[in-house]
mmCIF file of all heavy atoms, coordinates in Angstrom:
data_MODEL
# 
_entry.id   MODEL 
# 
loop_
_atom_site.group_PDB 
_atom_site.id 
_atom_site.type_symbol 
_atom_site.label_atom_id 
_atom_site.label_alt_id 
_atom_site.label_comp_id 
_atom_site.label_asym_id 
_atom_site.label_entity_id 
_atom_site.label_seq_id 
_atom_site.pdbx_PDB_ins_code 
_atom_site.Cartn_x 
_atom_site.Cartn_y 
_atom_site.Cartn_z 
_atom_site.occupancy 
_atom_site.B_iso_or_equiv 
_atom_site.pdbx_formal_charge 
_atom_site.auth_seq_id 
_atom_site.auth_comp_id 
_atom_site.auth_asym_id 
_atom_site.auth_atom_id 
_atom_site.pdbx_PDB_model_num 
ATOM 1   N N   . GLN A 1 1  ? -9.985  -9.040  -9.559  1.00 0.00 ? 1  GLN A N   1 
ATOM 2   C CA  . GLN A 1 1  ? -8.729  -9.327  -8.884  1.00 0.00 ? 1  GLN A CA  1 
ATOM 3   C C   . GLN A 1 1  ? -7.577  -8.496  -9.452  1.00 0.00 ? 1  GLN A C   1 
ATOM 4   O O   . GLN A 1 1  ? -6.759  -7.959  -8.701  1.00 0.00 ? 1  GLN A O   1 
ATOM 5   C CB  . GLN A 1 1  ? -8.391  -10.811 -8.950  1.00 0.00 ? 1  GLN A CB  1 
ATOM 6   C CG  . GLN A 1 1  ? -7.177  -11.167 -8.112  1.00 0.00 ? 1  GLN A CG  1 
ATOM 7   C CD  . GLN A 1 1  ? -6.745  -12.605 -8.285  1.00 0.00 ? 1  GLN A CD  1 
ATOM 8   O OE1 . GLN A 1 1  ? -6.834  -13.158 -9.379  1.00 0.00 ? 1  GLN A OE1 1 
ATOM 9   N NE2 . GLN A 1 1  ? -6.275  -13.201 -7.206  1.00 0.00 ? 1  GLN A NE2 1 
ATOM 10  N N   . ARG A 1 2  ? -7.511  -8.366  -10.745 1.00 0.00 ? 2  ARG A N   1 
ATOM 11  C CA  . ARG A 1 2  ? -6.446  -7.580  -11.370 1.00 0.00 ? 2  ARG A CA  1 
ATOM 12  C C   . ARG A 1 2  ? -6.543  -6.110  -10.960 1.00 0.00 ? 2  ARG A C   1 
ATOM 13  O O   . ARG A 1 2  ? -5.553  -5.475  -10.610 1.00 0.00 ? 2  ARG A O   1 
ATOM 14  C CB  . ARG A 1 2  ? -6.508  -7.711  -12.886 1.00 0.00 ? 2  ARG A CB  1 
ATOM 15  C CG  . ARG A 1 2  ? -5.456  -6.893  -13.588 1.00 0.00 ? 2  ARG A CG  1 
ATOM 16  C CD  . ARG A 1 2  ? -5.567  -7.046  -15.081 1.00 0.00 ? 2  ARG A CD  1 
ATOM 17  N NE  . ARG A 1 2  ? -4.566  -6.235  -15.744 1.00 0.00 ? 2  ARG A NE  1 
ATOM 18  C CZ  . ARG A 1 2  ? -4.668  -5.779  -16.965 1.00 0.00 ? 2  ARG A CZ  1 
ATOM 19  N NH1 . ARG A 1 2  ? -5.735  -6.062  -17.689 1.00 0.00 ? 2  ARG A NH1 1 
ATOM 20  N NH2 . ARG A 1 2  ? -3.713  -5.048  -17.492 1.00 0.00 ? 2  ARG A NH2 1 
ATOM 21  N N   . THR A 1 3  ? -7.743  -5.555  -10.995 1.00 0.00 ? 3  THR A N   1 
ATOM 22  C CA  . THR A 1 3  ? -7.956  -4.171  -10.596 1.00 0.00 ? 3  THR A CA  1 
ATOM 23  C C   . THR A 1 3  ? -7.550  -3.974  -9.143  1.00 0.00 ? 3  THR A C   1 
ATOM 24  O O   . THR A 1 3  ? -6.844  -3.012  -8.809  1.00 0.00 ? 3  THR A O   1 
ATOM 25  C CB  . THR A 1 3  ? -9.434  -3.773  -10.785 1.00 0.00 ? 3  THR A CB  1 
ATOM 26  O OG1 . THR A 1 3  ? -9.778  -3.956  -12.155 1.00 0.00 ? 3  THR A OG1 1 
ATOM 27  C CG2 . THR A 1 3  ? -9.676  -2.333  -10.371 1.00 0.00 ? 3  THR A CG2 1 
ATOM 28  N N   . TYR A 1 4  ? -7.978  -4.884  -8.270  1.00 0.00 ? 4  TYR A N   1 
ATOM 29  C CA  . TYR A 1 4  ? -7.599  -4.802  -6.854  1.00 0.00 ? 4  TYR A CA  1 
ATOM 30  C C   . TYR A 1 4  ? -6.080  -4.834  -6.703  1.00 0.00 ? 4  TYR A C   1 
ATOM 31  O O   . TYR A 1 4  ? -5.516  -4.113  -5.884  1.00 0.00 ? 4  TYR A O   1 
ATOM 32  C CB  . TYR A 1 4  ? -8.208  -5.941  -6.062  1.00 0.00 ? 4  TYR A CB  1 
ATOM 33  C CG  . TYR A 1 4  ? -9.690  -5.833  -5.801  1.00 0.00 ? 4  TYR A CG  1 
ATOM 34  C CD1 . TYR A 1 4  ? -10.414 -6.932  -5.374  1.00 0.00 ? 4  TYR A CD1 1 
ATOM 35  C CD2 . TYR A 1 4  ? -10.380 -4.634  -5.970  1.00 0.00 ? 4  TYR A CD2 1 
ATOM 36  C CE1 . TYR A 1 4  ? -11.772 -6.851  -5.125  1.00 0.00 ? 4  TYR A CE1 1 
ATOM 37  C CE2 . TYR A 1 4  ? -11.735 -4.550  -5.730  1.00 0.00 ? 4  TYR A CE2 1 
ATOM 38  C CZ  . TYR A 1 4  ? -12.431 -5.666  -5.299  1.00 0.00 ? 4  TYR A CZ  1 
ATOM 39  O OH  . TYR A 1 4  ? -13.773 -5.572  -5.053  1.00 0.00 ? 4  TYR A OH  1 
ATOM 40  N N   . ALA A 1 5  ? -5.409  -5.683  -7.463  1.00 0.00 ? 5  ALA A N   1 
ATOM 41  C CA  . ALA A 1 5  ? -3.953  -5.808  -7.361  1.00 0.00 ? 5  ALA A CA  1 
ATOM 42  C C   . ALA A 1 5  ? -3.275  -4.479  -7.703  1.00 0.00 ? 5  ALA A C   1 
ATOM 43  O O   . ALA A 1 5  ? -2.374  -4.047  -6.983  1.00 0.00 ? 5  ALA A O   1 
ATOM 44  C CB  . ALA A 1 5  ? -3.445  -6.921  -8.269  1.00 0.00 ? 5  ALA A CB  1 
ATOM 45  N N   . TYR A 1 6  ? -3.698  -3.829  -8.776  1.00 0.00 ? 6  TYR A N   1 
ATOM 46  C CA  . TYR A 1 6  ? -3.067  -2.569  -9.171  1.00 0.00 ? 6  TYR A CA  1 
ATOM 47  C C   . TYR A 1 6  ? -3.373  -1.430  -8.185  1.00 0.00 ? 6  TYR A C   1 
ATOM 48  O O   . TYR A 1 6  ? -2.508  -0.609  -7.889  1.00 0.00 ? 6  TYR A O   1 
ATOM 49  C CB  . TYR A 1 6  ? -3.446  -2.175  -10.594 1.00 0.00 ? 6  TYR A CB  1 
ATOM 50  C CG  . TYR A 1 6  ? -2.627  -2.919  -11.610 1.00 0.00 ? 6  TYR A CG  1 
ATOM 51  C CD1 . TYR A 1 6  ? -3.137  -4.027  -12.268 1.00 0.00 ? 6  TYR A CD1 1 
ATOM 52  C CD2 . TYR A 1 6  ? -1.319  -2.547  -11.883 1.00 0.00 ? 6  TYR A CD2 1 
ATOM 53  C CE1 . TYR A 1 6  ? -2.364  -4.739  -13.184 1.00 0.00 ? 6  TYR A CE1 1 
ATOM 54  C CE2 . TYR A 1 6  ? -0.539  -3.248  -12.786 1.00 0.00 ? 6  TYR A CE2 1 
ATOM 55  C CZ  . TYR A 1 6  ? -1.075  -4.339  -13.437 1.00 0.00 ? 6  TYR A CZ  1 
ATOM 56  O OH  . TYR A 1 6  ? -0.305  -5.036  -14.329 1.00 0.00 ? 6  TYR A OH  1 
ATOM 57  N N   . LEU A 1 7  ? -4.582  -1.400  -7.646  1.00 0.00 ? 7  LEU A N   1 
ATOM 58  C CA  . LEU A 1 7  ? -4.903  -0.389  -6.637  1.00 0.00 ? 7  LEU A CA  1 
ATOM 59  C C   . LEU A 1 7  ? -4.134  -0.653  -5.349  1.00 0.00 ? 7  LEU A C   1 
ATOM 60  O O   . LEU A 1 7  ? -3.620  0.278   -4.713  1.00 0.00 ? 7  LEU A O   1 
ATOM 61  C CB  . LEU A 1 7  ? -6.407  -0.371  -6.370  1.00 0.00 ? 7  LEU A CB  1 
ATOM 62  C CG  . LEU A 1 7  ? -7.276  0.112   -7.524  1.00 0.00 ? 7  LEU A CG  1 
ATOM 63  C CD1 . LEU A 1 7  ? -8.746  -0.124  -7.219  1.00 0.00 ? 7  LEU A CD1 1 
ATOM 64  C CD2 . LEU A 1 7  ? -7.005  1.567   -7.830  1.00 0.00 ? 7  LEU A CD2 1 
ATOM 65  N N   . LEU A 1 8  ? -4.035  -1.909  -4.975  1.00 0.00 ? 8  LEU A N   1 
ATOM 66  C CA  . LEU A 1 8  ? -3.327  -2.273  -3.751  1.00 0.00 ? 8  LEU A CA  1 
ATOM 67  C C   . LEU A 1 8  ? -1.832  -2.007  -3.855  1.00 0.00 ? 8  LEU A C   1 
ATOM 68  O O   . LEU A 1 8  ? -1.225  -1.501  -2.906  1.00 0.00 ? 8  LEU A O   1 
ATOM 69  C CB  . LEU A 1 8  ? -3.601  -3.740  -3.419  1.00 0.00 ? 8  LEU A CB  1 
ATOM 70  C CG  . LEU A 1 8  ? -3.041  -4.270  -2.108  1.00 0.00 ? 8  LEU A CG  1 
ATOM 71  C CD1 . LEU A 1 8  ? -3.500  -3.426  -0.925  1.00 0.00 ? 8  LEU A CD1 1 
ATOM 72  C CD2 . LEU A 1 8  ? -3.471  -5.723  -1.920  1.00 0.00 ? 8  LEU A CD2 1 
ATOM 73  N N   . VAL A 1 9  ? -1.225  -2.303  -4.992  1.00 0.00 ? 9  VAL A N   1 
ATOM 74  C CA  . VAL A 1 9  ? 0.216   -2.050  -5.130  1.00 0.00 ? 9  VAL A CA  1 
ATOM 75  C C   . VAL A 1 9  ? 0.491   -0.547  -5.062  1.00 0.00 ? 9  VAL A C   1 
ATOM 76  O O   . VAL A 1 9  ? 1.501   -0.124  -4.493  1.00 0.00 ? 9  VAL A O   1 
ATOM 77  C CB  . VAL A 1 9  ? 0.813   -2.683  -6.404  1.00 0.00 ? 9  VAL A CB  1 
ATOM 78  C CG1 . VAL A 1 9  ? 0.545   -1.867  -7.653  1.00 0.00 ? 9  VAL A CG1 1 
ATOM 79  C CG2 . VAL A 1 9  ? 2.311   -2.884  -6.252  1.00 0.00 ? 9  VAL A CG2 1 
ATOM 80  N N   . ASP A 1 10 ? -0.393  0.260   -5.585  1.00 0.00 ? 10 ASP A N   1 
ATOM 81  C CA  . ASP A 1 10 ? -0.232  1.708   -5.477  1.00 0.00 ? 10 ASP A CA  1 
ATOM 82  C C   . ASP A 1 10 ? -0.247  2.138   -4.012  1.00 0.00 ? 10 ASP A C   1 
ATOM 83  O O   . ASP A 1 10 ? 0.589   2.930   -3.572  1.00 0.00 ? 10 ASP A O   1 
ATOM 84  C CB  . ASP A 1 10 ? -1.339  2.424   -6.257  1.00 0.00 ? 10 ASP A CB  1 
ATOM 85  C CG  . ASP A 1 10 ? -1.180  3.924   -6.226  1.00 0.00 ? 10 ASP A CG  1 
ATOM 86  O OD1 . ASP A 1 10 ? -0.136  4.411   -6.699  1.00 0.00 ? 10 ASP A OD1 1 
ATOM 87  O OD2 . ASP A 1 10 ? -2.100  4.597   -5.729  1.00 0.00 ? 10 ASP A OD2 1 
ATOM 88  N N   . HIS A 1 11 ? -1.185  1.611   -3.251  1.00 0.00 ? 11 HIS A N   1 
ATOM 89  C CA  . HIS A 1 11 ? -1.276  1.938   -1.832  1.00 0.00 ? 11 HIS A CA  1 
ATOM 90  C C   . HIS A 1 11 ? -0.042  1.443   -1.071  1.00 0.00 ? 11 HIS A C   1 
ATOM 91  O O   . HIS A 1 11 ? 0.511   2.168   -0.234  1.00 0.00 ? 11 HIS A O   1 
ATOM 92  C CB  . HIS A 1 11 ? -2.537  1.328   -1.233  1.00 0.00 ? 11 HIS A CB  1 
ATOM 93  C CG  . HIS A 1 11 ? -2.683  1.580   0.223   1.00 0.00 ? 11 HIS A CG  1 
ATOM 94  N ND1 . HIS A 1 11 ? -2.910  2.828   0.739   1.00 0.00 ? 11 HIS A ND1 1 
ATOM 95  C CD2 . HIS A 1 11 ? -2.602  0.740   1.285   1.00 0.00 ? 11 HIS A CD2 1 
ATOM 96  C CE1 . HIS A 1 11 ? -2.979  2.757   2.055   1.00 0.00 ? 11 HIS A CE1 1 
ATOM 97  N NE2 . HIS A 1 11 ? -2.791  1.498   2.408   1.00 0.00 ? 11 HIS A NE2 1 
ATOM 98  N N   . LEU A 1 12 ? 0.419   0.238   -1.355  1.00 0.00 ? 12 LEU A N   1 
ATOM 99  C CA  . LEU A 1 12 ? 1.601   -0.298  -0.671  1.00 0.00 ? 12 LEU A CA  1 
ATOM 100 C C   . LEU A 1 12 ? 2.858   0.505   -1.004  1.00 0.00 ? 12 LEU A C   1 
ATOM 101 O O   . LEU A 1 12 ? 3.718   0.712   -0.136  1.00 0.00 ? 12 LEU A O   1 
ATOM 102 C CB  . LEU A 1 12 ? 1.788   -1.774  -1.027  1.00 0.00 ? 12 LEU A CB  1 
ATOM 103 C CG  . LEU A 1 12 ? 0.707   -2.711  -0.497  1.00 0.00 ? 12 LEU A CG  1 
ATOM 104 C CD1 . LEU A 1 12 ? 0.863   -4.094  -1.096  1.00 0.00 ? 12 LEU A CD1 1 
ATOM 105 C CD2 . LEU A 1 12 ? 0.707   -2.753  1.024   1.00 0.00 ? 12 LEU A CD2 1 
ATOM 106 N N   . ARG A 1 13 ? 2.975   0.957   -2.236  1.00 0.00 ? 13 ARG A N   1 
ATOM 107 C CA  . ARG A 1 13 ? 4.106   1.813   -2.604  1.00 0.00 ? 13 ARG A CA  1 
ATOM 108 C C   . ARG A 1 13 ? 4.054   3.125   -1.828  1.00 0.00 ? 13 ARG A C   1 
ATOM 109 O O   . ARG A 1 13 ? 5.078   3.637   -1.391  1.00 0.00 ? 13 ARG A O   1 
ATOM 110 C CB  . ARG A 1 13 ? 4.107   2.098   -4.108  1.00 0.00 ? 13 ARG A CB  1 
ATOM 111 C CG  . ARG A 1 13 ? 4.519   0.917   -4.943  1.00 0.00 ? 13 ARG A CG  1 
ATOM 112 C CD  . ARG A 1 13 ? 4.352   1.250   -6.411  1.00 0.00 ? 13 ARG A CD  1 
ATOM 113 N NE  . ARG A 1 13 ? 4.772   0.140   -7.261  1.00 0.00 ? 13 ARG A NE  1 
ATOM 114 C CZ  . ARG A 1 13 ? 4.533   0.086   -8.551  1.00 0.00 ? 13 ARG A CZ  1 
ATOM 115 N NH1 . ARG A 1 13 ? 3.880   1.078   -9.154  1.00 0.00 ? 13 ARG A NH1 1 
ATOM 116 N NH2 . ARG A 1 13 ? 4.932   -0.952  -9.256  1.00 0.00 ? 13 ARG A NH2 1 
ATOM 117 N N   . TRP A 1 14 ? 2.859   3.672   -1.665  1.00 0.00 ? 14 TRP A N   1 
ATOM 118 C CA  . TRP A 1 14 ? 2.707   4.907   -0.896  1.00 0.00 ? 14 TRP A CA  1 
ATOM 119 C C   . TRP A 1 14 ? 3.120   4.684   0.559   1.00 0.00 ? 14 TRP A C   1 
ATOM 120 O O   . TRP A 1 14 ? 3.827   5.519   1.133   1.00 0.00 ? 14 TRP A O   1 
ATOM 121 C CB  . TRP A 1 14 ? 1.267   5.397   -0.982  1.00 0.00 ? 14 TRP A CB  1 
ATOM 122 C CG  . TRP A 1 14 ? 1.018   6.634   -0.184  1.00 0.00 ? 14 TRP A CG  1 
ATOM 123 C CD1 . TRP A 1 14 ? 1.304   7.922   -0.557  1.00 0.00 ? 14 TRP A CD1 1 
ATOM 124 C CD2 . TRP A 1 14 ? 0.461   6.722   1.126   1.00 0.00 ? 14 TRP A CD2 1 
ATOM 125 N NE1 . TRP A 1 14 ? 0.941   8.794   0.437   1.00 0.00 ? 14 TRP A NE1 1 
ATOM 126 C CE2 . TRP A 1 14 ? 0.423   8.080   1.486   1.00 0.00 ? 14 TRP A CE2 1 
ATOM 127 C CE3 . TRP A 1 14 ? -0.028  5.775   2.026   1.00 0.00 ? 14 TRP A CE3 1 
ATOM 128 C CZ2 . TRP A 1 14 ? -0.084  8.519   2.705   1.00 0.00 ? 14 TRP A CZ2 1 
ATOM 129 C CZ3 . TRP A 1 14 ? -0.514  6.209   3.244   1.00 0.00 ? 14 TRP A CZ3 1 
ATOM 130 C CH2 . TRP A 1 14 ? -0.534  7.571   3.575   1.00 0.00 ? 14 TRP A CH2 1 
ATOM 131 N N   . LEU A 1 15 ? 2.686   3.559   1.153   1.00 0.00 ? 15 LEU A N   1 
ATOM 132 C CA  . LEU A 1 15 ? 3.083   3.254   2.531   1.00 0.00 ? 15 LEU A CA  1 
ATOM 133 C C   . LEU A 1 15 ? 4.600   3.215   2.664   1.00 0.00 ? 15 LEU A C   1 
ATOM 134 O O   . LEU A 1 15 ? 5.161   3.757   3.620   1.00 0.00 ? 15 LEU A O   1 
ATOM 135 C CB  . LEU A 1 15 ? 2.506   1.908   2.975   1.00 0.00 ? 15 LEU A CB  1 
ATOM 136 C CG  . LEU A 1 15 ? 1.015   1.825   3.223   1.00 0.00 ? 15 LEU A CG  1 
ATOM 137 C CD1 . LEU A 1 15 ? 0.628   0.395   3.574   1.00 0.00 ? 15 LEU A CD1 1 
ATOM 138 C CD2 . LEU A 1 15 ? 0.595   2.779   4.325   1.00 0.00 ? 15 LEU A CD2 1 
ATOM 139 N N   . GLU A 1 16 ? 5.236   2.591   1.692   1.00 0.00 ? 16 GLU A N   1 
ATOM 140 C CA  . GLU A 1 16 ? 6.690   2.492   1.718   1.00 0.00 ? 16 GLU A CA  1 
ATOM 141 C C   . GLU A 1 16 ? 7.338   3.875   1.627   1.00 0.00 ? 16 GLU A C   1 
ATOM 142 O O   . GLU A 1 16 ? 8.282   4.185   2.354   1.00 0.00 ? 16 GLU A O   1 
ATOM 143 C CB  . GLU A 1 16 ? 7.147   1.597   0.575   1.00 0.00 ? 16 GLU A CB  1 
ATOM 144 C CG  . GLU A 1 16 ? 8.578   1.147   0.690   1.00 0.00 ? 16 GLU A CG  1 
ATOM 145 C CD  . GLU A 1 16 ? 8.910   0.095   -0.350  1.00 0.00 ? 16 GLU A CD  1 
ATOM 146 O OE1 . GLU A 1 16 ? 8.606   -1.085  -0.120  1.00 0.00 ? 16 GLU A OE1 1 
ATOM 147 O OE2 . GLU A 1 16 ? 9.461   0.480   -1.401  1.00 0.00 ? 16 GLU A OE2 1 
ATOM 148 N N   . ARG A 1 17 ? 6.842   4.717   0.751   1.00 0.00 ? 17 ARG A N   1 
ATOM 149 C CA  . ARG A 1 17 ? 7.403   6.060   0.595   1.00 0.00 ? 17 ARG A CA  1 
ATOM 150 C C   . ARG A 1 17 ? 7.170   6.931   1.827   1.00 0.00 ? 17 ARG A C   1 
ATOM 151 O O   . ARG A 1 17 ? 7.949   7.833   2.124   1.00 0.00 ? 17 ARG A O   1 
ATOM 152 C CB  . ARG A 1 17 ? 6.824   6.727   -0.640  1.00 0.00 ? 17 ARG A CB  1 
ATOM 153 C CG  . ARG A 1 17 ? 7.424   6.177   -1.916  1.00 0.00 ? 17 ARG A CG  1 
ATOM 154 C CD  . ARG A 1 17 ? 6.909   6.884   -3.153  1.00 0.00 ? 17 ARG A CD  1 
ATOM 155 N NE  . ARG A 1 17 ? 7.402   6.221   -4.332  1.00 0.00 ? 17 ARG A NE  1 
ATOM 156 C CZ  . ARG A 1 17 ? 6.778   5.245   -4.981  1.00 0.00 ? 17 ARG A CZ  1 
ATOM 157 N NH1 . ARG A 1 17 ? 5.625   4.795   -4.535  1.00 0.00 ? 17 ARG A NH1 1 
ATOM 158 N NH2 . ARG A 1 17 ? 7.296   4.689   -6.054  1.00 0.00 ? 17 ARG A NH2 1 
ATOM 159 N N   . GLU A 1 18 ? 6.081   6.666   2.538   1.00 0.00 ? 18 GLU A N   1 
ATOM 160 C CA  . GLU A 1 18 ? 5.770   7.417   3.754   1.00 0.00 ? 18 GLU A CA  1 
ATOM 161 C C   . GLU A 1 18 ? 6.437   6.801   4.992   1.00 0.00 ? 18 GLU A C   1 
ATOM 162 O O   . GLU A 1 18 ? 6.253   7.306   6.099   1.00 0.00 ? 18 GLU A O   1 
ATOM 163 C CB  . GLU A 1 18 ? 4.245   7.458   3.975   1.00 0.00 ? 18 GLU A CB  1 
ATOM 164 C CG  . GLU A 1 18 ? 3.494   8.247   2.924   1.00 0.00 ? 18 GLU A CG  1 
ATOM 165 C CD  . GLU A 1 18 ? 3.791   9.726   2.998   1.00 0.00 ? 18 GLU A CD  1 
ATOM 166 O OE1 . GLU A 1 18 ? 3.727   10.309  4.107   1.00 0.00 ? 18 GLU A OE1 1 
ATOM 167 O OE2 . GLU A 1 18 ? 4.091   10.315  1.937   1.00 0.00 ? 18 GLU A OE2 1 
ATOM 168 N N   . CYS A 1 19 ? 7.183   5.716   4.788   1.00 0.00 ? 19 CYS A N   1 
ATOM 169 C CA  . CYS A 1 19 ? 7.869   5.010   5.883   1.00 0.00 ? 19 CYS A CA  1 
ATOM 170 C C   . CYS A 1 19 ? 6.891   4.519   6.941   1.00 0.00 ? 19 CYS A C   1 
ATOM 171 O O   . CYS A 1 19 ? 7.152   4.592   8.149   1.00 0.00 ? 19 CYS A O   1 
ATOM 172 C CB  . CYS A 1 19 ? 8.945   5.873   6.513   1.00 0.00 ? 19 CYS A CB  1 
ATOM 173 S SG  . CYS A 1 19 ? 10.232  6.353   5.360   1.00 0.00 ? 19 CYS A SG  1 
ATOM 174 N N   . LEU A 1 20 ? 5.732   4.034   6.493   1.00 0.00 ? 20 LEU A N   1 
ATOM 175 C CA  . LEU A 1 20 ? 4.721   3.500   7.394   1.00 0.00 ? 20 LEU A CA  1 
ATOM 176 C C   . LEU A 1 20 ? 4.733   1.977   7.326   1.00 0.00 ? 20 LEU A C   1 
ATOM 177 O O   . LEU A 1 20 ? 4.651   1.395   6.246   1.00 0.00 ? 20 LEU A O   1 
ATOM 178 C CB  . LEU A 1 20 ? 3.324   4.004   6.999   1.00 0.00 ? 20 LEU A CB  1 
ATOM 179 C CG  . LEU A 1 20 ? 3.086   5.491   7.160   1.00 0.00 ? 20 LEU A CG  1 
ATOM 180 C CD1 . LEU A 1 20 ? 1.765   5.888   6.511   1.00 0.00 ? 20 LEU A CD1 1 
ATOM 181 C CD2 . LEU A 1 20 ? 3.087   5.854   8.636   1.00 0.00 ? 20 LEU A CD2 1 
ATOM 182 N N   . ALA A 1 21 ? 4.834   1.344   8.468   1.00 0.00 ? 21 ALA A N   1 
ATOM 183 C CA  . ALA A 1 21 ? 4.777   -0.114  8.528   1.00 0.00 ? 21 ALA A CA  1 
ATOM 184 C C   . ALA A 1 21 ? 3.357   -0.574  8.233   1.00 0.00 ? 21 ALA A C   1 
ATOM 185 O O   . ALA A 1 21 ? 2.386   0.047   8.679   1.00 0.00 ? 21 ALA A O   1 
ATOM 186 C CB  . ALA A 1 21 ? 5.214   -0.609  9.895   1.00 0.00 ? 21 ALA A CB  1 
ATOM 187 N N   . PHE A 1 22 ? 3.232   -1.656  7.507   1.00 0.00 ? 22 PHE A N   1 
ATOM 188 C CA  . PHE A 1 22 ? 1.929   -2.177  7.102   1.00 0.00 ? 22 PHE A CA  1 
ATOM 189 C C   . PHE A 1 22 ? 1.012   -2.375  8.311   1.00 0.00 ? 22 PHE A C   1 
ATOM 190 O O   . PHE A 1 22 ? -0.144  -1.980  8.294   1.00 0.00 ? 22 PHE A O   1 
ATOM 191 C CB  . PHE A 1 22 ? 2.135   -3.505  6.356   1.00 0.00 ? 22 PHE A CB  1 
ATOM 192 C CG  . PHE A 1 22 ? 0.877   -4.112  5.825   1.00 0.00 ? 22 PHE A CG  1 
ATOM 193 C CD1 . PHE A 1 22 ? 0.331   -3.676  4.636   1.00 0.00 ? 22 PHE A CD1 1 
ATOM 194 C CD2 . PHE A 1 22 ? 0.234   -5.130  6.509   1.00 0.00 ? 22 PHE A CD2 1 
ATOM 195 C CE1 . PHE A 1 22 ? -0.835  -4.230  4.133   1.00 0.00 ? 22 PHE A CE1 1 
ATOM 196 C CE2 . PHE A 1 22 ? -0.927  -5.695  6.016   1.00 0.00 ? 22 PHE A CE2 1 
ATOM 197 C CZ  . PHE A 1 22 ? -1.456  -5.245  4.825   1.00 0.00 ? 22 PHE A CZ  1 
ATOM 198 N N   . ALA A 1 23 ? 1.535   -2.947  9.384   1.00 0.00 ? 23 ALA A N   1 
ATOM 199 C CA  . ALA A 1 23 ? 0.731   -3.252  10.562  1.00 0.00 ? 23 ALA A CA  1 
ATOM 200 C C   . ALA A 1 23 ? 0.458   -2.032  11.442  1.00 0.00 ? 23 ALA A C   1 
ATOM 201 O O   . ALA A 1 23 ? -0.380  -2.095  12.340  1.00 0.00 ? 23 ALA A O   1 
ATOM 202 C CB  . ALA A 1 23 ? 1.418   -4.333  11.389  1.00 0.00 ? 23 ALA A CB  1 
ATOM 203 N N   . ALA A 1 24 ? 1.138   -0.928  11.199  1.00 0.00 ? 24 ALA A N   1 
ATOM 204 C CA  . ALA A 1 24 ? 1.008   0.242   12.063  1.00 0.00 ? 24 ALA A CA  1 
ATOM 205 C C   . ALA A 1 24 ? 0.152   1.358   11.461  1.00 0.00 ? 24 ALA A C   1 
ATOM 206 O O   . ALA A 1 24 ? 0.059   2.432   12.040  1.00 0.00 ? 24 ALA A O   1 
ATOM 207 C CB  . ALA A 1 24 ? 2.395   0.793   12.388  1.00 0.00 ? 24 ALA A CB  1 
ATOM 208 N N   . VAL A 1 25 ? -0.476  1.119   10.343  1.00 0.00 ? 25 VAL A N   1 
ATOM 209 C CA  . VAL A 1 25 ? -1.267  2.157   9.672   1.00 0.00 ? 25 VAL A CA  1 
ATOM 210 C C   . VAL A 1 25 ? -2.489  2.507   10.515  1.00 0.00 ? 25 VAL A C   1 
ATOM 211 O O   . VAL A 1 25 ? -3.190  1.633   11.013  1.00 0.00 ? 25 VAL A O   1 
ATOM 212 C CB  . VAL A 1 25 ? -1.694  1.691   8.265   1.00 0.00 ? 25 VAL A CB  1 
ATOM 213 C CG1 . VAL A 1 25 ? -2.620  2.689   7.618   1.00 0.00 ? 25 VAL A CG1 1 
ATOM 214 C CG2 . VAL A 1 25 ? -0.476  1.453   7.407   1.00 0.00 ? 25 VAL A CG2 1 
ATOM 215 N N   . GLN A 1 26 ? -2.717  3.796   10.666  1.00 0.00 ? 26 GLN A N   1 
ATOM 216 C CA  . GLN A 1 26 ? -3.853  4.312   11.429  1.00 0.00 ? 26 GLN A CA  1 
ATOM 217 C C   . GLN A 1 26 ? -4.899  4.882   10.460  1.00 0.00 ? 26 GLN A C   1 
ATOM 218 O O   . GLN A 1 26 ? -4.597  5.134   9.302   1.00 0.00 ? 26 GLN A O   1 
ATOM 219 C CB  . GLN A 1 26 ? -3.367  5.431   12.356  1.00 0.00 ? 26 GLN A CB  1 
ATOM 220 C CG  . GLN A 1 26 ? -2.243  5.031   13.274  1.00 0.00 ? 26 GLN A CG  1 
ATOM 221 C CD  . GLN A 1 26 ? -2.753  4.444   14.560  1.00 0.00 ? 26 GLN A CD  1 
ATOM 222 O OE1 . GLN A 1 26 ? -3.781  4.870   15.075  1.00 0.00 ? 26 GLN A OE1 1 
ATOM 223 N NE2 . GLN A 1 26 ? -2.030  3.475   15.093  1.00 0.00 ? 26 GLN A NE2 1 
# 
């Protein structure tokens, strides 16, 4: 769970920097 959390937060930060909405990712 901890590993998943750190990998997921990295991905979510990238989405934010790319201005991609969570629900709109292709």
